[in-house]
Amino acid sequence: MNKDIIYAAVIYFVLISAASAAVTVIDKRRAENHDWRTPEKTLLILGLLGGALSEYIVMKKIRHKTLHKKFMIGLPVMIVLQTALIIFCIVKFT
């Protein structure tokens, strides 16, 4: 596999993970302040785009949306699928 592709993938996952974690923390703070909230759809899309692991860890750590099944079941499912995709790509293209 081309090293440039690997570097780009790593940078992408670092950025999407950081963005997912940041948006989750911001949403928690806004919830505490009864302010405008990030739509759940946005949080789920960030998870689908690759930020599921960081988003799940942050949600558990700050106790945000832990009673919502769509997050506490959906994000782990996304993590498993994303891990399977990464393993598939490594096996197929290296």
PDB file of N, CA and C in Angstrom:
ATOM      1  N   MET A   1       0.855  -1.175   0.000  1.00  0.00           N
ATOM      2  CA  MET A   1       0.000   0.000   0.000  1.00  0.00           C
ATOM      3  C   MET A   1       0.897   1.233   0.000  1.00  0.00           C
ATOM      4  N   ASN A   2       0.513   2.217  -0.734  1.00  0.00           N
ATOM      5  CA  ASN A   2       1.259   3.454  -0.852  1.00  0.00           C
ATOM      6  C   ASN A   2       1.329   4.165   0.504  1.00  0.00           C
ATOM      7  N   LYS A   3       2.529   4.596   0.901  1.00  0.00           N
ATOM      8  CA  LYS A   3       2.709   5.271   2.188  1.00  0.00           C
ATOM      9  C   LYS A   3       1.898   6.563   2.281  1.00  0.00           C
ATOM     10  N   ASP A   4       1.745   7.258   1.159  1.00  0.00           N
ATOM     11  CA  ASP A   4       0.964   8.491   1.161  1.00  0.00           C
ATOM     12  C   ASP A   4      -0.494   8.226   1.531  1.00  0.00           C
ATOM     13  N   ILE A   5      -1.036   7.120   1.052  1.00  0.00           N
ATOM     14  CA  ILE A   5      -2.419   6.755   1.367  1.00  0.00           C
ATOM     15  C   ILE A   5      -2.546   6.430   2.853  1.00  0.00           C
ATOM     16  N   ILE A   6      -1.573   5.728   3.379  1.00  0.00           N
ATOM     17  CA  ILE A   6      -1.591   5.382   4.808  1.00  0.00           C
ATOM     18  C   ILE A   6      -1.525   6.648   5.656  1.00  0.00           C
ATOM     19  N   TYR A   7      -0.610   7.554   5.318  1.00  0.00           N
ATOM     20  CA  TYR A   7      -0.505   8.807   6.064  1.00  0.00           C
ATOM     21  C   TYR A   7      -1.796   9.606   5.985  1.00  0.00           C
ATOM     22  N   ALA A   8      -2.375   9.679   4.805  1.00  0.00           N
ATOM     23  CA  ALA A   8      -3.630  10.418   4.627  1.00  0.00           C
ATOM     24  C   ALA A   8      -4.750   9.795   5.465  1.00  0.00           C
ATOM     25  N   ALA A   9      -4.812   8.465   5.492  1.00  0.00           N
ATOM     26  CA  ALA A   9      -5.844   7.783   6.280  1.00  0.00           C
ATOM     27  C   ALA A   9      -5.658   8.040   7.768  1.00  0.00           C
ATOM     28  N   VAL A  10      -4.424   7.990   8.230  1.00  0.00           N
ATOM     29  CA  VAL A  10      -4.150   8.246   9.651  1.00  0.00           C
ATOM     30  C   VAL A  10      -4.523   9.679  10.010  1.00  0.00           C
ATOM     31  N   ILE A  11      -4.128  10.626   9.183  1.00  0.00           N
ATOM     32  CA  ILE A  11      -4.462  12.034   9.438  1.00  0.00           C
ATOM     33  C   ILE A  11      -5.978  12.218   9.439  1.00  0.00           C
ATOM     34  N   TYR A  12      -6.662  11.593   8.487  1.00  0.00           N
ATOM     35  CA  TYR A  12      -8.127  11.689   8.431  1.00  0.00           C
ATOM     36  C   TYR A  12      -8.754  11.184   9.731  1.00  0.00           C
ATOM     37  N   PHE A  13      -8.338   9.991  10.188  1.00  0.00           N
ATOM     38  CA  PHE A  13      -8.935   9.425  11.392  1.00  0.00           C
ATOM     39  C   PHE A  13      -8.602  10.247  12.637  1.00  0.00           C
ATOM     40  N   VAL A  14      -7.432  10.833  12.695  1.00  0.00           N
ATOM     41  CA  VAL A  14      -7.090  11.712  13.824  1.00  0.00           C
ATOM     42  C   VAL A  14      -7.999  12.942  13.812  1.00  0.00           C
ATOM     43  N   LEU A  15      -8.176  13.543  12.645  1.00  0.00           N
ATOM     44  CA  LEU A  15      -9.003  14.752  12.549  1.00  0.00           C
ATOM     45  C   LEU A  15     -10.474  14.462  12.821  1.00  0.00           C
ATOM     46  N   ILE A  16     -11.028  13.393  12.246  1.00  0.00           N
ATOM     47  CA  ILE A  16     -12.441  13.085  12.461  1.00  0.00           C
ATOM     48  C   ILE A  16     -12.682  12.671  13.906  1.00  0.00           C
ATOM     49  N   SER A  17     -11.713  11.999  14.511  1.00  0.00           N
ATOM     50  CA  SER A  17     -11.834  11.617  15.921  1.00  0.00           C
ATOM     51  C   SER A  17     -11.817  12.854  16.816  1.00  0.00           C
ATOM     52  N   ALA A  18     -10.916  13.773  16.531  1.00  0.00           N
ATOM     53  CA  ALA A  18     -10.842  15.008  17.315  1.00  0.00           C
ATOM     54  C   ALA A  18     -12.117  15.832  17.153  1.00  0.00           C
ATOM     55  N   ALA A  19     -12.615  15.916  15.931  1.00  0.00           N
ATOM     56  CA  ALA A  19     -13.843  16.668  15.686  1.00  0.00           C
ATOM     57  C   ALA A  19     -15.028  16.030  16.404  1.00  0.00           C
ATOM     58  N   SER A  20     -15.136  14.718  16.340  1.00  0.00           N
ATOM     59  CA  SER A  20     -16.235  14.012  17.002  1.00  0.00           C
ATOM     60  C   SER A  20     -16.196  14.225  18.512  1.00  0.00           C
ATOM     61  N   ALA A  21     -15.011  14.114  19.090  1.00  0.00           N
ATOM     62  CA  ALA A  21     -14.861  14.323  20.532  1.00  0.00           C
ATOM     63  C   ALA A  21     -15.209  15.762  20.905  1.00  0.00           C
ATOM     64  N   ALA A  22     -14.722  16.718  20.128  1.00  0.00           N
ATOM     65  CA  ALA A  22     -14.980  18.131  20.420  1.00  0.00           C
ATOM     66  C   ALA A  22     -16.467  18.462  20.332  1.00  0.00           C
ATOM     67  N   VAL A  23     -17.122  17.995  19.292  1.00  0.00           N
ATOM     68  CA  VAL A  23     -18.557  18.273  19.132  1.00  0.00           C
ATOM     69  C   VAL A  23     -19.357  17.644  20.273  1.00  0.00           C
ATOM     70  N   THR A  24     -18.946  16.469  20.723  1.00  0.00           N
ATOM     71  CA  THR A  24     -19.630  15.803  21.833  1.00  0.00           C
ATOM     72  C   THR A  24     -19.483  16.610  23.119  1.00  0.00           C
ATOM     73  N   VAL A  25     -18.280  17.089  23.400  1.00  0.00           N
ATOM     74  CA  VAL A  25     -18.044  17.898  24.608  1.00  0.00           C
ATOM     75  C   VAL A  25     -18.820  19.212  24.533  1.00  0.00           C
ATOM     76  N   ILE A  26     -18.811  19.840  23.369  1.00  0.00           N
ATOM     77  CA  ILE A  26     -19.553  21.095  23.190  1.00  0.00           C
ATOM     78  C   ILE A  26     -21.041  20.863  23.409  1.00  0.00           C
ATOM     79  N   ASP A  27     -21.580  19.766  22.875  1.00  0.00           N
ATOM     80  CA  ASP A  27     -22.999  19.463  23.056  1.00  0.00           C
ATOM     81  C   ASP A  27     -23.329  19.251  24.533  1.00  0.00           C
ATOM     82  N   LYS A  28     -22.451  18.578  25.253  1.00  0.00           N
ATOM     83  CA  LYS A  28     -22.668  18.362  26.694  1.00  0.00           C
ATOM     84  C   LYS A  28     -22.711  19.699  27.425  1.00  0.00           C
ATOM     85  N   ARG A  29     -21.773  20.572  27.133  1.00  0.00           N
ATOM     86  CA  ARG A  29     -21.748  21.893  27.784  1.00  0.00           C
ATOM     87  C   ARG A  29     -23.007  22.698  27.453  1.00  0.00           C
ATOM     88  N   ARG A  30     -23.419  22.630  26.213  1.00  0.00           N
ATOM     89  CA  ARG A  30     -24.635  23.342  25.817  1.00  0.00           C
ATOM     90  C   ARG A  30     -25.859  22.759  26.516  1.00  0.00           C
ATOM     91  N   ALA A  31     -25.881  21.461  26.692  1.00  0.00           N
ATOM     92  CA  ALA A  31     -27.000  20.823  27.396  1.00  0.00           C
ATOM     93  C   ALA A  31     -27.054  21.305  28.834  1.00  0.00           C
ATOM     94  N   GLU A  32     -25.908  21.406  29.466  1.00  0.00           N
ATOM     95  CA  GLU A  32     -25.855  21.881  30.860  1.00  0.00           C
ATOM     96  C   GLU A  32     -26.306  23.335  30.981  1.00  0.00           C
ATOM     97  N   ASN A  33     -26.063  24.121  29.929  1.00  0.00           N
ATOM     98  CA  ASN A  33     -26.430  25.543  29.935  1.00  0.00           C
ATOM     99  C   ASN A  33     -27.789  25.816  29.296  1.00  0.00           C
ATOM    100  N   HIS A  34     -28.504  24.757  28.946  1.00  0.00           N
ATOM    101  CA  HIS A  34     -29.820  24.886  28.285  1.00  0.00           C
ATOM    102  C   HIS A  34     -29.725  25.761  27.047  1.00  0.00           C
ATOM    103  N   ASP A  35     -28.685  25.538  26.274  1.00  0.00           N
ATOM    104  CA  ASP A  35     -28.407  26.309  25.077  1.00  0.00           C
ATOM    105  C   ASP A  35     -28.752  25.470  23.839  1.00  0.00           C
ATOM    106  N   TRP A  36     -28.555  26.035  22.655  1.00  0.00           N
ATOM    107  CA  TRP A  36     -28.797  25.342  21.402  1.00  0.00           C
ATOM    108  C   TRP A  36     -27.945  24.092  21.350  1.00  0.00           C
ATOM    109  N   ARG A  37     -28.526  22.977  20.921  1.00  0.00           N
ATOM    110  CA  ARG A  37     -27.851  21.678  20.947  1.00  0.00           C
ATOM    111  C   ARG A  37     -27.445  21.218  19.555  1.00  0.00           C
ATOM    112  N   THR A  38     -26.442  20.378  19.521  1.00  0.00           N
ATOM    113  CA  THR A  38     -26.034  19.720  18.286  1.00  0.00           C
ATOM    114  C   THR A  38     -27.062  18.632  17.988  1.00  0.00           C
ATOM    115  N   PRO A  39     -27.603  18.595  16.783  1.00  0.00           N
ATOM    116  CA  PRO A  39     -28.572  17.542  16.456  1.00  0.00           C
ATOM    117  C   PRO A  39     -27.953  16.147  16.608  1.00  0.00           C
ATOM    118  N   GLU A  40     -28.742  15.202  17.104  1.00  0.00           N
ATOM    119  CA  GLU A  40     -28.259  13.831  17.253  1.00  0.00           C
ATOM    120  C   GLU A  40     -27.806  13.266  15.915  1.00  0.00           C
ATOM    121  N   LYS A  41     -28.482  13.652  14.855  1.00  0.00           N
ATOM    122  CA  LYS A  41     -28.124  13.206  13.511  1.00  0.00           C
ATOM    123  C   LYS A  41     -26.671  13.588  13.190  1.00  0.00           C
ATOM    124  N   THR A  42     -26.263  14.779  13.590  1.00  0.00           N
ATOM    125  CA  THR A  42     -24.897  15.238  13.355  1.00  0.00           C
ATOM    126  C   THR A  42     -23.897  14.375  14.108  1.00  0.00           C
ATOM    127  N   LEU A  43     -24.206  14.073  15.373  1.00  0.00           N
ATOM    128  CA  LEU A  43     -23.319  13.227  16.169  1.00  0.00           C
ATOM    129  C   LEU A  43     -23.198  11.831  15.549  1.00  0.00           C
ATOM    130  N   LEU A  44     -24.306  11.295  15.073  1.00  0.00           N
ATOM    131  CA  LEU A  44     -24.278   9.970  14.450  1.00  0.00           C
ATOM    132  C   LEU A  44     -23.505   9.981  13.130  1.00  0.00           C
ATOM    133  N   ILE A  45     -23.651  11.040  12.351  1.00  0.00           N
ATOM    134  CA  ILE A  45     -22.918  11.151  11.086  1.00  0.00           C
ATOM    135  C   ILE A  45     -21.416  11.230  11.350  1.00  0.00           C
ATOM    136  N   LEU A  46     -21.021  11.992  12.363  1.00  0.00           N
ATOM    137  CA  LEU A  46     -19.598  12.055  12.715  1.00  0.00           C
ATOM    138  C   LEU A  46     -19.073  10.670  13.094  1.00  0.00           C
ATOM    139  N   GLY A  47     -19.889   9.909  13.806  1.00  0.00           N
ATOM    140  CA  GLY A  47     -19.511   8.538  14.146  1.00  0.00           C
ATOM    141  C   GLY A  47     -19.358   7.684  12.903  1.00  0.00           C
ATOM    142  N   LEU A  48     -20.307   7.803  11.986  1.00  0.00           N
ATOM    143  CA  LEU A  48     -20.244   7.019  10.742  1.00  0.00           C
ATOM    144  C   LEU A  48     -19.033   7.373   9.890  1.00  0.00           C
ATOM    145  N   LEU A  49     -18.632   8.623   9.951  1.00  0.00           N
ATOM    146  CA  LEU A  49     -17.500   9.078   9.140  1.00  0.00           C
ATOM    147  C   LEU A  49     -16.150   8.646   9.705  1.00  0.00           C
ATOM    148  N   GLY A  50     -16.163   7.973  10.852  1.00  0.00           N
ATOM    149  CA  GLY A  50     -14.913   7.460  11.396  1.00  0.00           C
ATOM    150  C   GLY A  50     -14.629   7.879  12.822  1.00  0.00           C
ATOM    151  N   GLY A  51     -15.487   8.704  13.404  1.00  0.00           N
ATOM    152  CA  GLY A  51     -15.238   9.186  14.751  1.00  0.00           C
ATOM    153  C   GLY A  51     -15.962   8.415  15.836  1.00  0.00           C
ATOM    154  N   ALA A  52     -16.458   7.234  15.524  1.00  0.00           N
ATOM    155  CA  ALA A  52     -17.279   6.478  16.477  1.00  0.00           C
ATOM    156  C   ALA A  52     -16.522   6.129  17.756  1.00  0.00           C
ATOM    157  N   LEU A  53     -15.282   5.699  17.633  1.00  0.00           N
ATOM    158  CA  LEU A  53     -14.532   5.280  18.816  1.00  0.00           C
ATOM    159  C   LEU A  53     -14.299   6.448  19.768  1.00  0.00           C
ATOM    160  N   SER A  54     -13.808   7.551  19.268  1.00  0.00           N
ATOM    161  CA  SER A  54     -13.549   8.697  20.147  1.00  0.00           C
ATOM    162  C   SER A  54     -14.846   9.254  20.720  1.00  0.00           C
ATOM    163  N   GLU A  55     -15.874   9.281  19.907  1.00  0.00           N
ATOM    164  CA  GLU A  55     -17.169   9.786  20.356  1.00  0.00           C
ATOM    165  C   GLU A  55     -17.729   8.913  21.479  1.00  0.00           C
ATOM    166  N   TYR A  56     -17.642   7.605  21.324  1.00  0.00           N
ATOM    167  CA  TYR A  56     -18.139   6.677  22.337  1.00  0.00           C
ATOM    168  C   TYR A  56     -17.359   6.828  23.647  1.00  0.00           C
ATOM    169  N   ILE A  57     -16.039   6.888  23.542  1.00  0.00           N
ATOM    170  CA  ILE A  57     -15.208   7.037  24.746  1.00  0.00           C
ATOM    171  C   ILE A  57     -15.536   8.339  25.470  1.00  0.00           C
ATOM    172  N   VAL A  58     -15.652   9.433  24.725  1.00  0.00           N
ATOM    173  CA  VAL A  58     -15.965  10.731  25.340  1.00  0.00           C
ATOM    174  C   VAL A  58     -17.355  10.708  25.965  1.00  0.00           C
ATOM    175  N   MET A  59     -18.331  10.132  25.286  1.00  0.00           N
ATOM    176  CA  MET A  59     -19.687  10.069  25.840  1.00  0.00           C
ATOM    177  C   MET A  59     -19.711   9.306  27.154  1.00  0.00           C
ATOM    178  N   LYS A  60     -18.986   8.202  27.214  1.00  0.00           N
ATOM    179  CA  LYS A  60     -18.932   7.428  28.462  1.00  0.00           C
ATOM    180  C   LYS A  60     -18.204   8.223  29.550  1.00  0.00           C
ATOM    181  N   LYS A  61     -17.129   8.884  29.190  1.00  0.00           N
ATOM    182  CA  LYS A  61     -16.306   9.619  30.152  1.00  0.00           C
ATOM    183  C   LYS A  61     -17.068  10.801  30.763  1.00  0.00           C
ATOM    184  N   ILE A  62     -17.785  11.554  29.925  1.00  0.00           N
ATOM    185  CA  ILE A  62     -18.478  12.746  30.431  1.00  0.00           C
ATOM    186  C   ILE A  62     -19.958  12.476  30.724  1.00  0.00           C
ATOM    187  N   ARG A  63     -20.361  11.222  30.594  1.00  0.00           N
ATOM    188  CA  ARG A  63     -21.747  10.803  30.847  1.00  0.00           C
ATOM    189  C   ARG A  63     -22.746  11.616  30.026  1.00  0.00           C
ATOM    190  N   HIS A  64     -22.550  11.563  28.740  1.00  0.00           N
ATOM    191  CA  HIS A  64     -23.414  12.303  27.814  1.00  0.00           C
ATOM    192  C   HIS A  64     -24.084  11.320  26.864  1.00  0.00           C
ATOM    193  N   LYS A  65     -25.385  11.345  26.831  1.00  0.00           N
ATOM    194  CA  LYS A  65     -26.218  10.499  25.969  1.00  0.00           C
ATOM    195  C   LYS A  65     -26.049   9.011  26.275  1.00  0.00           C
ATOM    196  N   THR A  66     -25.659   8.683  27.474  1.00  0.00           N
ATOM    197  CA  THR A  66     -25.443   7.274  27.827  1.00  0.00           C
ATOM    198  C   THR A  66     -26.747   6.507  28.008  1.00  0.00           C
ATOM    199  N   LEU A  67     -27.863   7.199  28.077  1.00  0.00           N
ATOM    200  CA  LEU A  67     -29.156   6.531  28.177  1.00  0.00           C
ATOM    201  C   LEU A  67     -29.837   6.379  26.812  1.00  0.00           C
ATOM    202  N   HIS A  68     -29.183   6.892  25.782  1.00  0.00           N
ATOM    203  CA  HIS A  68     -29.741   6.818  24.430  1.00  0.00           C
ATOM    204  C   HIS A  68     -29.212   5.563  23.738  1.00  0.00           C
ATOM    205  N   LYS A  69     -30.108   4.620  23.469  1.00  0.00           N
ATOM    206  CA  LYS A  69     -29.692   3.352  22.862  1.00  0.00           C
ATOM    207  C   LYS A  69     -29.064   3.547  21.494  1.00  0.00           C
ATOM    208  N   LYS A  70     -29.537   4.547  20.744  1.00  0.00           N
ATOM    209  CA  LYS A  70     -28.981   4.743  19.406  1.00  0.00           C
ATOM    210  C   LYS A  70     -27.494   5.080  19.465  1.00  0.00           C
ATOM    211  N   PHE A  71     -27.033   5.631  20.578  1.00  0.00           N
ATOM    212  CA  PHE A  71     -25.611   5.920  20.738  1.00  0.00           C
ATOM    213  C   PHE A  71     -24.870   4.774  21.426  1.00  0.00           C
ATOM    214  N   MET A  72     -25.436   4.231  22.472  1.00  0.00           N
ATOM    215  CA  MET A  72     -24.743   3.208  23.250  1.00  0.00           C
ATOM    216  C   MET A  72     -24.729   1.845  22.552  1.00  0.00           C
ATOM    217  N   ILE A  73     -25.596   1.655  21.569  1.00  0.00           N
ATOM    218  CA  ILE A  73     -25.554   0.445  20.737  1.00  0.00           C
ATOM    219  C   ILE A  73     -24.994   0.796  19.359  1.00  0.00           C
ATOM    220  N   GLY A  74     -25.461   1.908  18.811  1.00  0.00           N
ATOM    221  CA  GLY A  74     -25.064   2.293  17.457  1.00  0.00           C
ATOM    222  C   GLY A  74     -23.583   2.571  17.304  1.00  0.00           C
ATOM    223  N   LEU A  75     -22.993   3.302  18.245  1.00  0.00           N
ATOM    224  CA  LEU A  75     -21.571   3.614  18.120  1.00  0.00           C
ATOM    225  C   LEU A  75     -20.692   2.367  18.215  1.00  0.00           C
ATOM    226  N   PRO A  76     -20.942   1.451  19.176  1.00  0.00           N
ATOM    227  CA  PRO A  76     -20.134   0.220  19.167  1.00  0.00           C
ATOM    228  C   PRO A  76     -20.291  -0.591  17.878  1.00  0.00           C
ATOM    229  N   VAL A  77     -21.483  -0.617  17.303  1.00  0.00           N
ATOM    230  CA  VAL A  77     -21.677  -1.313  16.025  1.00  0.00           C
ATOM    231  C   VAL A  77     -20.823  -0.640  14.944  1.00  0.00           C
ATOM    232  N   MET A  78     -20.824   0.687  14.932  1.00  0.00           N
ATOM    233  CA  MET A  78     -19.999   1.412  13.968  1.00  0.00           C
ATOM    234  C   MET A  78     -18.518   1.109  14.181  1.00  0.00           C
ATOM    235  N   ILE A  79     -18.096   1.023  15.439  1.00  0.00           N
ATOM    236  CA  ILE A  79     -16.692   0.727  15.745  1.00  0.00           C
ATOM    237  C   ILE A  79     -16.308  -0.640  15.182  1.00  0.00           C
ATOM    238  N   VAL A  80     -17.167  -1.625  15.388  1.00  0.00           N
ATOM    239  CA  VAL A  80     -16.894  -2.973  14.871  1.00  0.00           C
ATOM    240  C   VAL A  80     -16.818  -2.954  13.342  1.00  0.00           C
ATOM    241  N   LEU A  81     -17.764  -2.289  12.705  1.00  0.00           N
ATOM    242  CA  LEU A  81     -17.768  -2.230  11.242  1.00  0.00           C
ATOM    243  C   LEU A  81     -16.549  -1.489  10.702  1.00  0.00           C
ATOM    244  N   GLN A  82     -16.183  -0.382  11.349  1.00  0.00           N
ATOM    245  CA  GLN A  82     -15.019   0.372  10.901  1.00  0.00           C
ATOM    246  C   GLN A  82     -13.730  -0.418  11.106  1.00  0.00           C
ATOM    247  N   THR A  83     -13.649  -1.145  12.210  1.00  0.00           N
ATOM    248  CA  THR A  83     -12.478  -1.991  12.459  1.00  0.00           C
ATOM    249  C   THR A  83     -12.387  -3.090  11.406  1.00  0.00           C
ATOM    250  N   ALA A  84     -13.525  -3.696  11.093  1.00  0.00           N
ATOM    251  CA  ALA A  84     -13.544  -4.737  10.054  1.00  0.00           C
ATOM    252  C   ALA A  84     -13.113  -4.169   8.707  1.00  0.00           C
ATOM    253  N   LEU A  85     -13.552  -2.974   8.384  1.00  0.00           N
ATOM    254  CA  LEU A  85     -13.175  -2.332   7.126  1.00  0.00           C
ATOM    255  C   LEU A  85     -11.673  -2.059   7.084  1.00  0.00           C
ATOM    256  N   ILE A  86     -11.123  -1.590   8.186  1.00  0.00           N
ATOM    257  CA  ILE A  86      -9.678  -1.313   8.243  1.00  0.00           C
ATOM    258  C   ILE A  86      -8.890  -2.610   8.075  1.00  0.00           C
ATOM    259  N   ILE A  87      -9.308  -3.654   8.771  1.00  0.00           N
ATOM    260  CA  ILE A  87      -8.625  -4.950   8.645  1.00  0.00           C
ATOM    261  C   ILE A  87      -8.716  -5.470   7.215  1.00  0.00           C
ATOM    262  N   PHE A  88      -9.893  -5.363   6.630  1.00  0.00           N
ATOM    263  CA  PHE A  88     -10.074  -5.792   5.238  1.00  0.00           C
ATOM    264  C   PHE A  88      -9.116  -5.042   4.309  1.00  0.00           C
ATOM    265  N   CYS A  89      -9.033  -3.741   4.466  1.00  0.00           N
ATOM    266  CA  CYS A  89      -8.160  -2.933   3.611  1.00  0.00           C
ATOM    267  C   CYS A  89      -6.690  -3.298   3.800  1.00  0.00           C
ATOM    268  N   ILE A  90      -6.305  -3.538   5.031  1.00  0.00           N
ATOM    269  CA  ILE A  90      -4.907  -3.929   5.306  1.00  0.00           C
ATOM    270  C   ILE A  90      -4.596  -5.255   4.627  1.00  0.00           C
ATOM    271  N   VAL A  91      -5.490  -6.226   4.796  1.00  0.00           N
ATOM    272  CA  VAL A  91      -5.266  -7.569   4.227  1.00  0.00           C
ATOM    273  C   VAL A  91      -5.312  -7.510   2.698  1.00  0.00           C
ATOM    274  N   LYS A  92      -6.271  -6.787   2.165  1.00  0.00           N
ATOM    275  CA  LYS A  92      -6.477  -6.765   0.713  1.00  0.00           C
ATOM    276  C   LYS A  92      -5.401  -5.972  -0.013  1.00  0.00           C
ATOM    277  N   PHE A  93      -4.948  -4.884   0.576  1.00  0.00           N
ATOM    278  CA  PHE A  93      -4.091  -3.953  -0.172  1.00  0.00           C
ATOM    279  C   PHE A  93      -2.642  -3.894   0.296  1.00  0.00           C
ATOM    280  N   THR A  94      -2.245  -4.787   1.190  1.00  0.00           N
ATOM    281  CA  THR A  94      -0.825  -4.782   1.584  1.00  0.00           C
ATOM    282  C   THR A  94      -0.143  -6.046   1.136  1.00  0.00           C
TER     283      THR A  94
END
